[in-house]
Amino acid sequence: MEPLGYGDRAGHDLDAVFAALADPTRRALLERLARGEATVTELAAPLDISQPAVSKHLKVLEQAGLVSVSRDGTSRPRRLEAAPLAEASAWLERYREYWEASYARLDELLADLRRQRGS
């Protein structure tokens, strides 16, 4: 397995992505946007926070590359940008592989210890 360095970020800043994902309101916004684009008003409707607060959360998501804005007349719908999530998932996958290999080694060690006791 390759070393897990901090300088191997692809197209997006993983620090910004993980910081954006750390907030439950921002995760809820992403979940909603996964169903399709929406305006700030539509995004704020089910939440118990103001539209300006939603806008601030969206700004963080935009800066992390997780959300983009388009123009539709006077409306500015937001849409999910999944590429940074894929990059974060790939980064986490490397750790999953590391832990699976570590557990496999532990399983082998335990099996060896059981065999030694049985002999």
Protein backbone atom coordinates (compact mmCIF):
# COMPACT_ATOMS: atom_id res chain seq x y z
CA MET A 1 0.00 0.00 0.00
CA GLU A 2 1.23 3.47 -0.84
CA PRO A 3 1.88 6.00 1.92
CA LEU A 4 -1.13 8.07 2.86
CA GLY A 5 0.23 11.55 2.35
CA TYR A 6 -1.46 14.88 2.64
CA GLY A 7 -0.12 16.31 -0.61
CA ASP A 8 -1.88 13.91 -2.96
CA ARG A 9 -5.07 15.89 -3.47
CA ALA A 10 -6.46 15.57 -6.96
CA GLY A 11 -8.67 18.37 -8.24
CA HIS A 12 -10.27 19.53 -5.01
CA ASP A 13 -9.13 20.48 -1.55
CA LEU A 14 -10.00 17.49 0.61
CA ASP A 15 -9.69 19.61 3.76
CA ALA A 16 -12.47 21.87 2.48
CA VAL A 17 -14.59 18.88 1.43
CA PHE A 18 -14.30 17.15 4.81
CA ALA A 19 -14.86 20.45 6.67
CA ALA A 20 -18.00 21.05 4.61
CA LEU A 21 -19.23 17.51 5.29
CA ALA A 22 -18.65 17.92 9.04
CA ASP A 23 -21.80 20.00 9.44
CA PRO A 24 -25.17 18.18 9.55
CA THR A 25 -27.02 21.06 7.88
CA ARG A 26 -24.61 21.00 4.94
CA ARG A 27 -24.99 17.23 4.67
CA ALA A 28 -28.78 17.69 4.62
CA LEU A 29 -28.42 20.25 1.83
CA LEU A 30 -26.28 17.82 -0.18
CA GLU A 31 -28.83 15.04 0.38
CA ARG A 32 -31.55 17.31 -0.97
CA LEU A 33 -29.45 18.37 -3.95
CA ALA A 34 -28.75 14.71 -4.75
CA ARG A 35 -32.43 14.54 -5.75
CA GLY A 36 -32.08 17.47 -8.16
CA GLU A 37 -31.22 21.14 -8.36
CA ALA A 38 -32.99 23.62 -6.09
CA THR A 39 -33.07 27.30 -5.21
CA VAL A 40 -32.09 28.69 -1.81
CA THR A 41 -35.79 29.15 -1.01
CA GLU A 42 -36.51 25.50 -1.84
CA LEU A 43 -33.51 24.35 0.17
CA ALA A 44 -34.44 26.48 3.20
CA ALA A 45 -38.10 25.39 3.30
CA PRO A 46 -37.69 22.08 5.21
CA LEU A 47 -34.91 23.40 7.45
CA ASP A 48 -35.37 25.24 10.73
CA ILE A 49 -32.93 28.01 9.75
CA SER A 50 -33.15 31.28 7.85
CA GLN A 51 -32.45 31.73 4.15
CA PRO A 52 -29.31 33.78 4.93
CA ALA A 53 -28.04 30.89 7.07
CA VAL A 54 -28.74 28.45 4.23
CA SER A 55 -26.87 30.79 1.88
CA LYS A 56 -23.86 30.75 4.20
CA HIS A 57 -23.88 26.96 4.29
CA LEU A 58 -24.19 26.87 0.49
CA LYS A 59 -21.21 29.20 0.19
CA VAL A 60 -19.08 26.71 2.16
CA LEU A 61 -20.31 23.88 -0.08
CA GLU A 62 -19.55 25.95 -3.19
CA GLN A 63 -16.03 26.77 -1.97
CA ALA A 64 -15.44 23.05 -1.41
CA GLY A 65 -16.59 22.36 -4.98
CA LEU A 66 -19.58 20.33 -3.79
CA VAL A 67 -22.25 22.68 -5.13
CA SER A 68 -22.46 24.82 -8.24
CA VAL A 69 -24.80 27.68 -9.13
CA SER A 70 -26.46 28.31 -12.49
CA ARG A 71 -28.71 31.06 -13.80
CA ASP A 72 -32.26 30.40 -14.91
CA GLY A 73 -33.75 33.84 -15.56
CA THR A 74 -33.82 35.50 -12.14
CA SER A 75 -33.44 32.18 -10.34
CA ARG A 76 -30.06 30.80 -9.28
CA PRO A 77 -30.56 27.06 -8.73
CA ARG A 78 -27.86 25.04 -6.98
CA ARG A 79 -26.80 21.58 -8.06
CA LEU A 80 -24.69 18.87 -6.51
CA GLU A 81 -21.17 18.39 -7.87
CA ALA A 82 -20.25 14.82 -7.01
CA ALA A 83 -16.59 14.75 -8.13
CA PRO A 84 -15.22 16.02 -4.78
CA LEU A 85 -17.28 13.37 -2.97
CA ALA A 86 -15.78 10.69 -5.21
CA GLU A 87 -12.30 11.99 -4.42
CA ALA A 88 -13.03 11.98 -0.68
CA SER A 89 -14.44 8.47 -0.96
CA ALA A 90 -11.34 7.28 -2.83
CA TRP A 91 -9.12 8.82 -0.15
CA LEU A 92 -11.11 7.04 2.59
CA GLU A 93 -11.03 3.79 0.60
CA ARG A 94 -7.27 3.68 1.00
CA TYR A 95 -7.74 3.60 4.77
CA ARG A 96 -10.39 0.88 4.51
CA GLU A 97 -7.91 -1.22 2.55
CA TYR A 98 -5.25 -0.55 5.20
CA TRP A 99 -7.55 -1.65 8.03
CA GLU A 100 -8.71 -4.74 6.15
CA ALA A 101 -5.07 -5.77 5.63
CA SER A 102 -4.35 -5.09 9.32
CA TYR A 103 -7.31 -7.21 10.42
CA ALA A 104 -6.26 -9.99 8.05
CA ARG A 105 -2.79 -10.00 9.65
CA LEU A 106 -4.38 -10.06 13.12
CA ASP A 107 -6.62 -12.98 12.08
CA GLU A 108 -3.53 -14.89 10.88
CA LEU A 109 -1.73 -14.18 14.16
CA LEU A 110 -4.70 -15.37 16.21
CA ALA A 111 -5.02 -18.51 14.10
CA ASP A 112 -1.28 -19.21 14.66
CA LEU A 113 -1.71 -18.73 18.42
CA ARG A 114 -4.69 -21.12 18.46
CA ARG A 115 -2.70 -23.72 16.54
CA GLN A 116 0.23 -23.35 18.98
CA ARG A 117 -2.09 -23.88 21.96
CA GLY A 118 -3.62 -26.92 20.32
CA SER A 119 -0.23 -28.54 19.67
